[in-house]
Amino acid sequence: MKKKIKIILIIIFIIMLIPIKTKLWDGGTIIYKSILYEFRKVHKINHASKTGYEEGIKIKILGYEIYNNVKTLWQISKRFR
C-alpha cells in the first residue's frame, strides 16, 4: 500500500513540473508556466529604450521571483539621477 502511495505522489509531482508555453502579443515574450515555476523570456516593445525593446529573463519558483535581468525604463532612469 505504501508503494502505491509513493508512486501516486511521484506522478503528481511530475505533472506539477510540466510547463505550458504561452506567447504574448507585446513584442515576442514567451512564458513557460507550470504549477511550481514560471520562466519568462521577455522581448517587449518599449519605444523609450535605445533598441526599442526590453529584453531579458525572469524566473519565479513557487510565486517568488528569484532571477530578473530585465532592465525597465524606471530602473534605468532611477540609476542616472
C-alpha atoms as a PDB file:
ATOM      1  CA  MET A   1       0.000   0.000   0.000  1.00  0.00           C
ATOM      2  CA  LYS A   2       2.840   2.423   0.823  1.00  0.00           C
ATOM      3  CA  LYS A   3       4.489   1.730  -2.517  1.00  0.00           C
ATOM      4  CA  LYS A   4       1.269   2.666  -4.324  1.00  0.00           C
ATOM      5  CA  ILE A   5       1.077   5.995  -2.454  1.00  0.00           C
ATOM      6  CA  LYS A   6       4.714   6.791  -3.296  1.00  0.00           C
ATOM      7  CA  ILE A   7       4.093   6.125  -6.991  1.00  0.00           C
ATOM      8  CA  ILE A   8       0.995   8.367  -6.974  1.00  0.00           C
ATOM      9  CA  LEU A   9       2.928  11.180  -5.270  1.00  0.00           C
ATOM     10  CA  ILE A  10       5.772  10.921  -7.800  1.00  0.00           C
ATOM     11  CA  ILE A  11       3.301  11.082 -10.694  1.00  0.00           C
ATOM     12  CA  ILE A  12       1.607  14.160  -9.168  1.00  0.00           C
ATOM     13  CA  PHE A  13       4.993  15.861  -8.695  1.00  0.00           C
ATOM     14  CA  ILE A  14       5.979  15.167 -12.311  1.00  0.00           C
ATOM     15  CA  ILE A  15       2.672  16.611 -13.536  1.00  0.00           C
ATOM     16  CA  MET A  16       3.345  19.762 -11.494  1.00  0.00           C
ATOM     17  CA  LEU A  17       6.659  20.231 -13.374  1.00  0.00           C
ATOM     18  CA  ILE A  18       5.247  20.067 -16.922  1.00  0.00           C
ATOM     19  CA  PRO A  19       5.149  23.615 -18.378  1.00  0.00           C
ATOM     20  CA  ILE A  20       2.637  25.222 -20.730  1.00  0.00           C
ATOM     21  CA  LYS A  21       4.074  27.519 -23.396  1.00  0.00           C
ATOM     22  CA  THR A  22       2.340  30.876 -23.951  1.00  0.00           C
ATOM     23  CA  LYS A  23       3.237  33.680 -26.362  1.00  0.00           C
ATOM     24  CA  LEU A  24       2.289  37.264 -25.572  1.00  0.00           C
ATOM     25  CA  TRP A  25       1.425  39.994 -28.079  1.00  0.00           C
ATOM     26  CA  ASP A  26       3.762  42.559 -26.506  1.00  0.00           C
ATOM     27  CA  GLY A  27       6.612  42.081 -28.969  1.00  0.00           C
ATOM     28  CA  GLY A  28       7.539  38.437 -28.539  1.00  0.00           C
ATOM     29  CA  THR A  29       7.572  37.477 -24.853  1.00  0.00           C
ATOM     30  CA  ILE A  30       7.373  33.716 -24.277  1.00  0.00           C
ATOM     31  CA  ILE A  31       6.184  32.239 -20.960  1.00  0.00           C
ATOM     32  CA  TYR A  32       6.745  28.660 -19.798  1.00  0.00           C
ATOM     33  CA  LYS A  33       4.474  28.187 -16.782  1.00  0.00           C
ATOM     34  CA  SER A  34       3.731  25.208 -14.566  1.00  0.00           C
ATOM     35  CA  ILE A  35       2.255  24.899 -11.089  1.00  0.00           C
ATOM     36  CA  LEU A  36       5.642  25.124  -9.356  1.00  0.00           C
ATOM     37  CA  TYR A  37       7.602  27.578 -11.522  1.00  0.00           C
ATOM     38  CA  GLU A  38       7.432  30.194 -14.273  1.00  0.00           C
ATOM     39  CA  PHE A  39      10.107  31.081 -16.834  1.00  0.00           C
ATOM     40  CA  ARG A  40       9.721  34.230 -18.980  1.00  0.00           C
ATOM     41  CA  LYS A  41      11.885  35.135 -21.948  1.00  0.00           C
ATOM     42  CA  VAL A  42      11.000  38.817 -22.240  1.00  0.00           C
ATOM     43  CA  HIS A  43      11.127  40.634 -25.581  1.00  0.00           C
ATOM     44  CA  LYS A  44       8.775  43.553 -25.036  1.00  0.00           C
ATOM     45  CA  ILE A  45       8.280  46.678 -27.159  1.00  0.00           C
ATOM     46  CA  ASN A  46       9.442  49.832 -25.367  1.00  0.00           C
ATOM     47  CA  HIS A  47       9.802  52.930 -27.522  1.00  0.00           C
ATOM     48  CA  ALA A  48      11.661  54.808 -24.765  1.00  0.00           C
ATOM     49  CA  SER A  49      14.655  52.453 -24.823  1.00  0.00           C
ATOM     50  CA  LYS A  50      17.564  52.806 -27.264  1.00  0.00           C
ATOM     51  CA  THR A  51      16.916  49.494 -29.024  1.00  0.00           C
ATOM     52  CA  GLY A  52      13.112  49.785 -28.964  1.00  0.00           C
ATOM     53  CA  TYR A  53      12.758  46.604 -26.889  1.00  0.00           C
ATOM     54  CA  GLU A  54      13.137  45.379 -23.330  1.00  0.00           C
ATOM     55  CA  GLU A  55      14.897  42.040 -23.265  1.00  0.00           C
ATOM     56  CA  GLY A  56      15.819  39.625 -20.506  1.00  0.00           C
ATOM     57  CA  ILE A  57      14.792  36.652 -18.413  1.00  0.00           C
ATOM     58  CA  LYS A  58      12.535  36.330 -15.353  1.00  0.00           C
ATOM     59  CA  ILE A  59      12.337  33.179 -13.227  1.00  0.00           C
ATOM     60  CA  LYS A  60       9.814  32.527 -10.452  1.00  0.00           C
ATOM     61  CA  ILE A  61       9.646  29.485  -8.200  1.00  0.00           C
ATOM     62  CA  LEU A  62       6.533  28.989  -6.064  1.00  0.00           C
ATOM     63  CA  GLY A  63       5.486  32.559  -6.908  1.00  0.00           C
ATOM     64  CA  TYR A  64       8.704  34.186  -5.675  1.00  0.00           C
ATOM     65  CA  GLU A  65      10.892  35.927  -8.219  1.00  0.00           C
ATOM     66  CA  ILE A  66      14.419  34.555  -7.892  1.00  0.00           C
ATOM     67  CA  TYR A  67      16.013  35.996 -11.048  1.00  0.00           C
ATOM     68  CA  ASN A  68      15.274  39.113 -13.100  1.00  0.00           C
ATOM     69  CA  ASN A  69      17.663  40.740 -15.535  1.00  0.00           C
ATOM     70  CA  VAL A  70      15.085  42.791 -17.481  1.00  0.00           C
ATOM     71  CA  LYS A  71      16.014  46.465 -17.388  1.00  0.00           C
ATOM     72  CA  THR A  72      12.926  48.676 -17.322  1.00  0.00           C
ATOM     73  CA  LEU A  73      12.875  52.392 -18.067  1.00  0.00           C
ATOM     74  CA  TRP A  74      12.158  53.170 -14.399  1.00  0.00           C
ATOM     75  CA  GLN A  75      15.271  51.282 -13.231  1.00  0.00           C
ATOM     76  CA  ILE A  76      17.464  52.979 -15.830  1.00  0.00           C
ATOM     77  CA  SER A  77      16.183  56.493 -15.104  1.00  0.00           C
ATOM     78  CA  LYS A  78      16.471  55.958 -11.314  1.00  0.00           C
ATOM     79  CA  ARG A  79      20.105  54.881 -11.652  1.00  0.00           C
ATOM     80  CA  PHE A  80      21.135  58.055 -13.531  1.00  0.00           C
ATOM     81  CA  ARG A  81      19.583  60.544 -11.082  1.00  0.00           C
END
